């Protein structure tokens, strides 16, 4: 997730997806390009996934109950997208011994993208994504299914 594909490859793949209506899973893009597409998706959203108001409420909150109450105030589409993103991140971090992707790493990479907060100091000190990755069952009232099949790029 730290490596992003070249801008040219990311934009080329985005164009292919938009023209075809989806990803060709028989010939998926390489991992860095896929990461670049995910980052681009969040950058291009008309509004950030987490509003500044929500983030200010979440800032330095680590108790799952506190975070749960705040994310439930998000618009439904934002809530469900955030939930699925956190499930995905949790599944990635479950294999951190192999992929070196820890909750803190994903927090550092994705918080600025899903927040777009103007004060970089606040973003740098925020840990709400990390807290969500560590406690998705309590925050979103879900059960995470472990990935049984290894996917190779």
N, C-alpha and C. Protein backbone atom coordinates (compact mmCIF):
# COMPACT_ATOMS: atom_id res chain seq x y z
N UNK A 1 0.82 -1.20 0.00
CA UNK A 1 0.00 0.00 0.00
C UNK A 1 0.86 1.26 0.00
N UNK A 2 2.11 1.12 0.38
CA UNK A 2 3.01 2.26 0.34
C UNK A 2 3.41 2.61 -1.09
N UNK A 3 3.45 1.61 -1.96
CA UNK A 3 3.85 1.84 -3.34
C UNK A 3 2.62 2.10 -4.19
N UNK A 4 2.67 3.19 -4.93
CA UNK A 4 1.60 3.54 -5.84
C UNK A 4 2.12 3.41 -7.26
N UNK A 5 1.28 2.92 -8.15
CA UNK A 5 1.68 2.80 -9.54
C UNK A 5 1.93 4.15 -10.17
N UNK A 6 2.58 4.14 -11.31
CA UNK A 6 2.85 5.39 -12.01
C UNK A 6 1.53 6.07 -12.34
N UNK A 7 1.55 7.39 -12.37
CA UNK A 7 0.34 8.15 -12.66
C UNK A 7 -0.23 7.75 -14.01
N UNK A 8 0.64 7.49 -14.97
CA UNK A 8 0.19 7.10 -16.30
C UNK A 8 -0.56 5.76 -16.25
N UNK A 9 -0.02 4.78 -15.53
CA UNK A 9 -0.69 3.47 -15.42
C UNK A 9 -2.01 3.58 -14.68
N UNK A 10 -2.04 4.38 -13.62
CA UNK A 10 -3.26 4.54 -12.83
C UNK A 10 -4.36 5.18 -13.69
N UNK A 11 -4.02 6.25 -14.41
CA UNK A 11 -5.02 6.93 -15.24
C UNK A 11 -5.47 6.05 -16.41
N UNK A 12 -4.55 5.28 -16.96
CA UNK A 12 -4.89 4.35 -18.05
C UNK A 12 -5.88 3.30 -17.54
N UNK A 13 -5.60 2.75 -16.36
CA UNK A 13 -6.48 1.73 -15.78
C UNK A 13 -7.84 2.33 -15.41
N UNK A 14 -7.83 3.54 -14.88
CA UNK A 14 -9.09 4.22 -14.54
C UNK A 14 -9.94 4.38 -15.80
N UNK A 15 -9.30 4.80 -16.89
CA UNK A 15 -10.01 4.97 -18.15
C UNK A 15 -10.60 3.64 -18.64
N UNK A 16 -9.82 2.56 -18.52
CA UNK A 16 -10.32 1.23 -18.91
C UNK A 16 -11.53 0.82 -18.08
N UNK A 17 -11.45 1.06 -16.78
CA UNK A 17 -12.56 0.71 -15.87
C UNK A 17 -13.80 1.50 -16.22
N UNK A 18 -13.64 2.81 -16.46
CA UNK A 18 -14.79 3.65 -16.78
C UNK A 18 -15.42 3.25 -18.11
N UNK A 19 -14.59 2.90 -19.08
CA UNK A 19 -15.12 2.53 -20.40
C UNK A 19 -15.79 1.16 -20.39
N UNK A 20 -15.22 0.22 -19.63
CA UNK A 20 -15.76 -1.14 -19.63
C UNK A 20 -16.80 -1.36 -18.54
N UNK A 21 -16.86 -0.47 -17.57
CA UNK A 21 -17.83 -0.61 -16.49
C UNK A 21 -17.36 -1.48 -15.34
N UNK A 22 -16.09 -1.86 -15.33
CA UNK A 22 -15.58 -2.67 -14.23
C UNK A 22 -14.15 -3.13 -14.48
N UNK A 23 -13.64 -3.88 -13.52
CA UNK A 23 -12.28 -4.40 -13.61
C UNK A 23 -12.32 -5.78 -14.26
N UNK A 24 -11.38 -6.03 -15.13
CA UNK A 24 -11.23 -7.35 -15.74
C UNK A 24 -10.41 -8.20 -14.77
N UNK A 25 -11.08 -9.06 -14.01
CA UNK A 25 -10.39 -9.86 -13.00
C UNK A 25 -9.56 -10.99 -13.61
N UNK A 26 -9.74 -11.25 -14.90
CA UNK A 26 -8.87 -12.22 -15.57
C UNK A 26 -7.50 -11.62 -15.85
N UNK A 27 -7.44 -10.30 -15.88
CA UNK A 27 -6.18 -9.60 -16.12
C UNK A 27 -6.16 -8.33 -15.26
N UNK A 28 -6.11 -8.50 -13.92
CA UNK A 28 -6.17 -7.32 -13.04
C UNK A 28 -4.90 -6.49 -13.14
N UNK A 29 -5.00 -5.21 -12.78
CA UNK A 29 -3.80 -4.38 -12.76
C UNK A 29 -2.85 -4.86 -11.66
N UNK A 30 -1.59 -4.47 -11.77
CA UNK A 30 -0.63 -4.86 -10.74
C UNK A 30 -0.98 -4.16 -9.42
N UNK A 31 -0.39 -4.64 -8.34
CA UNK A 31 -0.72 -4.12 -7.01
C UNK A 31 -0.47 -2.62 -6.87
N UNK A 32 0.69 -2.09 -7.29
CA UNK A 32 0.88 -0.63 -7.15
C UNK A 32 -0.16 0.18 -7.91
N UNK A 33 -0.57 -0.29 -9.09
CA UNK A 33 -1.60 0.43 -9.84
C UNK A 33 -2.94 0.35 -9.12
N UNK A 34 -3.26 -0.80 -8.55
CA UNK A 34 -4.51 -0.97 -7.80
C UNK A 34 -4.54 -0.03 -6.60
N UNK A 35 -3.42 0.06 -5.89
CA UNK A 35 -3.33 0.98 -4.75
C UNK A 35 -3.52 2.41 -5.24
N UNK A 36 -2.90 2.75 -6.35
CA UNK A 36 -3.06 4.09 -6.92
C UNK A 36 -4.50 4.39 -7.27
N UNK A 37 -5.22 3.38 -7.80
CA UNK A 37 -6.63 3.56 -8.13
C UNK A 37 -7.46 3.81 -6.88
N UNK A 38 -7.17 3.07 -5.82
CA UNK A 38 -7.91 3.26 -4.56
C UNK A 38 -7.67 4.67 -4.01
N UNK A 39 -6.43 5.10 -4.02
CA UNK A 39 -6.12 6.45 -3.53
C UNK A 39 -6.79 7.51 -4.40
N UNK A 40 -6.75 7.32 -5.71
CA UNK A 40 -7.37 8.27 -6.63
C UNK A 40 -8.88 8.35 -6.40
N UNK A 41 -9.51 7.21 -6.15
CA UNK A 41 -10.94 7.19 -5.87
C UNK A 41 -11.28 8.13 -4.71
N UNK A 42 -10.53 8.02 -3.62
CA UNK A 42 -10.82 8.86 -2.46
C UNK A 42 -10.49 10.32 -2.71
N UNK A 43 -9.46 10.59 -3.49
CA UNK A 43 -9.13 11.98 -3.82
C UNK A 43 -10.21 12.63 -4.68
N UNK A 44 -10.84 11.84 -5.54
CA UNK A 44 -11.81 12.39 -6.49
C UNK A 44 -13.25 12.43 -5.96
N UNK A 45 -13.49 11.91 -4.78
CA UNK A 45 -14.85 12.01 -4.22
C UNK A 45 -15.21 13.49 -4.09
N UNK A 46 -16.46 13.86 -4.41
CA UNK A 46 -16.84 15.27 -4.30
C UNK A 46 -16.71 15.81 -2.87
N UNK A 47 -17.00 14.96 -1.89
CA UNK A 47 -16.85 15.31 -0.48
C UNK A 47 -15.99 14.24 0.18
N UNK A 48 -15.19 14.61 1.18
CA UNK A 48 -14.38 13.57 1.84
C UNK A 48 -15.27 12.54 2.53
N UNK A 49 -14.76 11.33 2.66
CA UNK A 49 -15.51 10.26 3.31
C UNK A 49 -15.85 10.63 4.74
N UNK A 50 -14.88 11.19 5.46
CA UNK A 50 -15.12 11.71 6.81
C UNK A 50 -15.14 13.23 6.74
N UNK A 51 -16.21 13.82 7.22
CA UNK A 51 -16.28 15.28 7.23
C UNK A 51 -15.35 15.82 8.32
N UNK A 52 -15.01 17.09 8.20
CA UNK A 52 -14.17 17.72 9.23
C UNK A 52 -14.86 17.66 10.59
N UNK A 53 -16.18 17.82 10.60
CA UNK A 53 -16.93 17.77 11.86
C UNK A 53 -16.81 16.39 12.50
N UNK A 54 -16.99 15.35 11.68
CA UNK A 54 -16.87 13.98 12.20
C UNK A 54 -15.47 13.72 12.70
N UNK A 55 -14.46 14.15 11.91
CA UNK A 55 -13.09 13.89 12.32
C UNK A 55 -12.76 14.61 13.62
N UNK A 56 -13.21 15.86 13.77
CA UNK A 56 -12.92 16.58 15.01
C UNK A 56 -13.52 15.84 16.20
N UNK A 57 -14.68 15.22 16.00
CA UNK A 57 -15.26 14.41 17.06
C UNK A 57 -14.48 13.14 17.32
N UNK A 58 -13.88 12.59 16.25
CA UNK A 58 -13.12 11.35 16.36
C UNK A 58 -11.70 11.57 16.85
N UNK A 59 -11.21 12.79 16.70
CA UNK A 59 -9.79 13.06 16.96
C UNK A 59 -9.39 12.56 18.34
N UNK A 60 -8.39 11.70 18.35
CA UNK A 60 -7.83 11.10 19.57
C UNK A 60 -8.83 10.26 20.37
N UNK A 61 -9.93 9.88 19.74
CA UNK A 61 -10.85 8.95 20.40
C UNK A 61 -10.35 7.55 20.10
N UNK A 62 -10.25 6.74 21.11
CA UNK A 62 -9.81 5.37 20.91
C UNK A 62 -10.83 4.36 21.42
N UNK A 63 -11.76 4.79 22.26
CA UNK A 63 -12.77 3.88 22.78
C UNK A 63 -13.73 3.51 21.66
N UNK A 64 -13.88 2.22 21.38
CA UNK A 64 -14.76 1.79 20.28
C UNK A 64 -16.18 2.35 20.38
N UNK A 65 -16.72 2.43 21.59
CA UNK A 65 -18.09 2.94 21.75
C UNK A 65 -18.19 4.40 21.31
N UNK A 66 -17.20 5.22 21.66
CA UNK A 66 -17.19 6.63 21.25
C UNK A 66 -17.12 6.75 19.73
N UNK A 67 -16.23 5.97 19.13
CA UNK A 67 -16.07 6.01 17.67
C UNK A 67 -17.35 5.52 16.99
N UNK A 68 -17.93 4.46 17.51
CA UNK A 68 -19.15 3.89 16.94
C UNK A 68 -20.27 4.92 16.89
N UNK A 69 -20.46 5.64 17.97
CA UNK A 69 -21.52 6.66 18.02
C UNK A 69 -21.30 7.74 16.97
N UNK A 70 -20.05 8.15 16.77
CA UNK A 70 -19.76 9.21 15.80
C UNK A 70 -19.91 8.74 14.36
N UNK A 71 -19.44 7.54 14.04
CA UNK A 71 -19.54 7.10 12.64
C UNK A 71 -20.99 6.80 12.26
N UNK A 72 -21.83 6.50 13.22
CA UNK A 72 -23.25 6.27 12.92
C UNK A 72 -23.94 7.56 12.49
N UNK A 73 -23.32 8.71 12.76
CA UNK A 73 -23.88 9.99 12.33
C UNK A 73 -23.54 10.32 10.88
N UNK A 74 -22.64 9.55 10.27
CA UNK A 74 -22.28 9.78 8.87
C UNK A 74 -23.47 9.50 7.96
N UNK A 75 -23.50 10.11 6.77
CA UNK A 75 -24.51 9.70 5.78
C UNK A 75 -24.36 8.19 5.53
N UNK A 76 -25.48 7.52 5.24
CA UNK A 76 -25.45 6.06 5.08
C UNK A 76 -24.39 5.59 4.09
N UNK A 77 -24.30 6.26 2.94
CA UNK A 77 -23.33 5.81 1.93
C UNK A 77 -21.90 5.93 2.46
N UNK A 78 -21.61 6.99 3.20
CA UNK A 78 -20.28 7.16 3.79
C UNK A 78 -20.02 6.10 4.85
N UNK A 79 -21.04 5.83 5.65
CA UNK A 79 -20.90 4.83 6.72
C UNK A 79 -20.56 3.46 6.13
N UNK A 80 -21.34 3.04 5.12
CA UNK A 80 -21.12 1.71 4.54
C UNK A 80 -19.79 1.62 3.80
N UNK A 81 -19.41 2.67 3.10
CA UNK A 81 -18.12 2.66 2.42
C UNK A 81 -16.98 2.60 3.44
N UNK A 82 -17.09 3.39 4.50
CA UNK A 82 -16.07 3.36 5.56
C UNK A 82 -16.00 1.98 6.20
N UNK A 83 -17.15 1.39 6.47
CA UNK A 83 -17.18 0.05 7.07
C UNK A 83 -16.47 -0.97 6.19
N UNK A 84 -16.78 -0.97 4.90
CA UNK A 84 -16.15 -1.94 3.99
C UNK A 84 -14.65 -1.67 3.86
N UNK A 85 -14.27 -0.41 3.85
CA UNK A 85 -12.85 -0.06 3.78
C UNK A 85 -12.11 -0.56 5.01
N UNK A 86 -12.71 -0.39 6.18
CA UNK A 86 -12.08 -0.83 7.43
C UNK A 86 -12.01 -2.36 7.47
N UNK A 87 -13.03 -3.05 6.99
CA UNK A 87 -12.97 -4.52 6.92
C UNK A 87 -11.80 -4.94 6.03
N UNK A 88 -11.68 -4.30 4.88
CA UNK A 88 -10.58 -4.58 3.96
C UNK A 88 -9.23 -4.33 4.63
N UNK A 89 -9.12 -3.19 5.31
CA UNK A 89 -7.86 -2.88 6.00
C UNK A 89 -7.56 -3.89 7.10
N UNK A 90 -8.59 -4.33 7.80
CA UNK A 90 -8.38 -5.32 8.85
C UNK A 90 -7.85 -6.62 8.27
N UNK A 91 -8.43 -7.02 7.15
CA UNK A 91 -7.97 -8.25 6.50
C UNK A 91 -6.52 -8.11 6.03
N UNK A 92 -6.15 -6.93 5.59
CA UNK A 92 -4.75 -6.69 5.20
C UNK A 92 -3.84 -6.78 6.42
N UNK A 93 -4.23 -6.12 7.50
CA UNK A 93 -3.37 -6.10 8.69
C UNK A 93 -3.32 -7.44 9.41
N UNK A 94 -4.29 -8.30 9.16
CA UNK A 94 -4.23 -9.65 9.72
C UNK A 94 -3.02 -10.43 9.19
N UNK A 95 -2.45 -9.95 8.10
CA UNK A 95 -1.28 -10.60 7.49
C UNK A 95 -0.07 -9.67 7.53
N UNK A 96 -0.02 -8.81 8.52
CA UNK A 96 1.06 -7.82 8.60
C UNK A 96 2.44 -8.46 8.78
N UNK A 97 2.47 -9.67 9.31
CA UNK A 97 3.76 -10.35 9.44
C UNK A 97 4.37 -10.63 8.07
N UNK A 98 3.53 -10.73 7.04
CA UNK A 98 4.03 -10.98 5.69
C UNK A 98 4.08 -9.71 4.84
N UNK A 99 3.07 -8.85 4.98
CA UNK A 99 2.99 -7.69 4.08
C UNK A 99 3.48 -6.38 4.70
N UNK A 100 3.81 -6.40 5.98
CA UNK A 100 4.32 -5.21 6.69
C UNK A 100 3.33 -4.04 6.71
N UNK A 101 2.05 -4.36 6.56
CA UNK A 101 1.01 -3.33 6.63
C UNK A 101 0.33 -3.43 7.99
N UNK A 102 0.62 -2.46 8.83
CA UNK A 102 0.09 -2.41 10.19
C UNK A 102 -1.02 -1.37 10.25
N UNK A 103 -1.90 -1.42 11.25
CA UNK A 103 -2.94 -0.40 11.36
C UNK A 103 -2.39 1.02 11.33
N UNK A 104 -1.27 1.25 11.99
CA UNK A 104 -0.69 2.60 12.01
C UNK A 104 -0.22 3.02 10.62
N UNK A 105 0.27 2.07 9.83
CA UNK A 105 0.73 2.37 8.48
C UNK A 105 -0.45 2.76 7.59
N UNK A 106 -1.52 1.98 7.64
CA UNK A 106 -2.70 2.28 6.84
C UNK A 106 -3.34 3.59 7.28
N UNK A 107 -3.32 3.87 8.58
CA UNK A 107 -3.83 5.14 9.10
C UNK A 107 -3.05 6.30 8.48
N UNK A 108 -1.74 6.19 8.48
CA UNK A 108 -0.88 7.26 7.95
C UNK A 108 -1.10 7.46 6.45
N UNK A 109 -1.29 6.37 5.72
CA UNK A 109 -1.46 6.46 4.27
C UNK A 109 -2.84 6.99 3.89
N UNK A 110 -3.89 6.48 4.55
CA UNK A 110 -5.24 6.76 4.07
C UNK A 110 -5.99 7.87 4.81
N UNK A 111 -5.61 8.21 6.03
CA UNK A 111 -6.35 9.27 6.74
C UNK A 111 -6.36 10.58 5.95
N UNK A 112 -5.23 11.04 5.41
CA UNK A 112 -5.29 12.29 4.64
C UNK A 112 -6.19 12.19 3.41
N UNK A 113 -6.33 10.99 2.84
CA UNK A 113 -7.15 10.83 1.63
C UNK A 113 -8.64 10.80 1.93
N UNK A 114 -9.01 10.20 3.05
CA UNK A 114 -10.45 10.10 3.34
C UNK A 114 -10.94 11.29 4.17
N UNK A 115 -10.01 12.13 4.56
CA UNK A 115 -10.37 13.28 5.38
C UNK A 115 -10.24 14.60 4.63
N UNK A 116 -9.10 14.80 3.99
CA UNK A 116 -8.78 16.06 3.30
C UNK A 116 -8.87 17.26 4.24
N UNK A 117 -8.35 17.11 5.42
CA UNK A 117 -8.37 18.18 6.41
C UNK A 117 -7.29 19.19 6.08
N UNK A 118 -7.55 20.44 6.33
CA UNK A 118 -6.62 21.50 5.94
C UNK A 118 -5.40 21.61 6.85
N UNK A 119 -5.51 21.19 8.09
CA UNK A 119 -4.40 21.30 9.03
C UNK A 119 -3.61 19.99 9.06
N UNK A 120 -2.43 19.95 8.42
CA UNK A 120 -1.67 18.69 8.36
C UNK A 120 -1.23 18.18 9.73
N UNK A 121 -1.11 19.07 10.72
CA UNK A 121 -0.73 18.62 12.07
C UNK A 121 -1.82 17.75 12.68
N UNK A 122 -3.08 18.14 12.45
CA UNK A 122 -4.18 17.34 12.99
C UNK A 122 -4.22 15.97 12.32
N UNK A 123 -4.04 15.94 11.02
CA UNK A 123 -4.04 14.67 10.31
C UNK A 123 -2.89 13.81 10.78
N UNK A 124 -1.71 14.41 10.94
CA UNK A 124 -0.53 13.66 11.37
C UNK A 124 -0.72 13.05 12.75
N UNK A 125 -1.49 13.70 13.60
CA UNK A 125 -1.70 13.22 14.96
C UNK A 125 -2.96 12.38 15.12
N UNK A 126 -3.77 12.29 14.08
CA UNK A 126 -5.01 11.53 14.16
C UNK A 126 -4.76 10.03 14.09
N UNK A 127 -5.52 9.29 14.84
CA UNK A 127 -5.35 7.83 14.84
C UNK A 127 -6.68 7.09 14.72
N UNK A 128 -7.70 7.77 14.21
CA UNK A 128 -9.03 7.16 14.21
C UNK A 128 -9.13 5.96 13.27
N UNK A 129 -8.44 5.99 12.13
CA UNK A 129 -8.49 4.84 11.22
C UNK A 129 -7.82 3.64 11.89
N UNK A 130 -6.70 3.89 12.54
CA UNK A 130 -6.02 2.81 13.26
C UNK A 130 -6.94 2.20 14.32
N UNK A 131 -7.62 3.05 15.08
CA UNK A 131 -8.54 2.55 16.11
C UNK A 131 -9.68 1.74 15.49
N UNK A 132 -10.17 2.17 14.33
CA UNK A 132 -11.24 1.43 13.65
C UNK A 132 -10.75 0.08 13.16
N UNK A 133 -9.52 0.04 12.63
CA UNK A 133 -8.96 -1.22 12.14
C UNK A 133 -8.80 -2.21 13.29
N UNK A 134 -8.42 -1.71 14.45
CA UNK A 134 -8.20 -2.58 15.60
C UNK A 134 -9.50 -3.07 16.24
N UNK A 135 -10.61 -2.35 16.03
CA UNK A 135 -11.87 -2.68 16.70
C UNK A 135 -13.09 -2.65 15.77
N UNK A 136 -13.02 -3.19 14.57
CA UNK A 136 -14.18 -3.05 13.66
C UNK A 136 -15.43 -3.76 14.16
N UNK A 137 -15.25 -4.87 14.87
CA UNK A 137 -16.42 -5.61 15.36
C UNK A 137 -17.24 -4.76 16.32
N UNK A 138 -16.58 -4.03 17.19
CA UNK A 138 -17.28 -3.21 18.18
C UNK A 138 -17.80 -1.91 17.57
N UNK A 139 -17.05 -1.34 16.64
CA UNK A 139 -17.44 -0.05 16.07
C UNK A 139 -18.59 -0.19 15.08
N UNK A 140 -18.53 -1.22 14.24
CA UNK A 140 -19.53 -1.39 13.19
C UNK A 140 -20.51 -2.53 13.47
N UNK A 141 -20.37 -3.18 14.63
CA UNK A 141 -21.25 -4.29 15.02
C UNK A 141 -21.28 -5.36 13.93
N UNK A 142 -20.09 -5.85 13.58
CA UNK A 142 -19.95 -6.85 12.52
C UNK A 142 -19.02 -7.97 12.97
N UNK A 143 -18.97 -9.01 12.18
CA UNK A 143 -18.02 -10.09 12.38
C UNK A 143 -17.11 -10.13 11.15
N UNK A 144 -15.82 -10.11 11.37
CA UNK A 144 -14.86 -10.14 10.27
C UNK A 144 -14.54 -11.59 9.94
N UNK A 145 -14.67 -11.93 8.68
CA UNK A 145 -14.31 -13.27 8.23
C UNK A 145 -12.86 -13.25 7.76
N UNK A 146 -12.05 -14.17 8.27
CA UNK A 146 -10.66 -14.20 7.81
C UNK A 146 -10.57 -14.61 6.34
N UNK A 147 -9.55 -14.11 5.68
CA UNK A 147 -9.32 -14.50 4.29
C UNK A 147 -8.70 -15.89 4.30
N UNK A 148 -9.37 -16.81 3.63
CA UNK A 148 -8.88 -18.19 3.62
C UNK A 148 -7.96 -18.46 2.44
N UNK A 149 -8.21 -17.78 1.34
CA UNK A 149 -7.44 -18.01 0.12
C UNK A 149 -6.44 -16.88 -0.06
N UNK A 150 -5.21 -17.23 -0.35
CA UNK A 150 -4.20 -16.22 -0.61
C UNK A 150 -4.35 -15.74 -2.05
N UNK A 151 -4.28 -14.44 -2.19
CA UNK A 151 -4.34 -13.84 -3.52
C UNK A 151 -2.95 -13.41 -3.91
N UNK A 152 -2.54 -13.80 -5.07
CA UNK A 152 -1.19 -13.44 -5.54
C UNK A 152 -1.32 -12.47 -6.70
N UNK A 153 -0.53 -11.43 -6.63
CA UNK A 153 -0.50 -10.45 -7.73
C UNK A 153 0.52 -10.87 -8.74
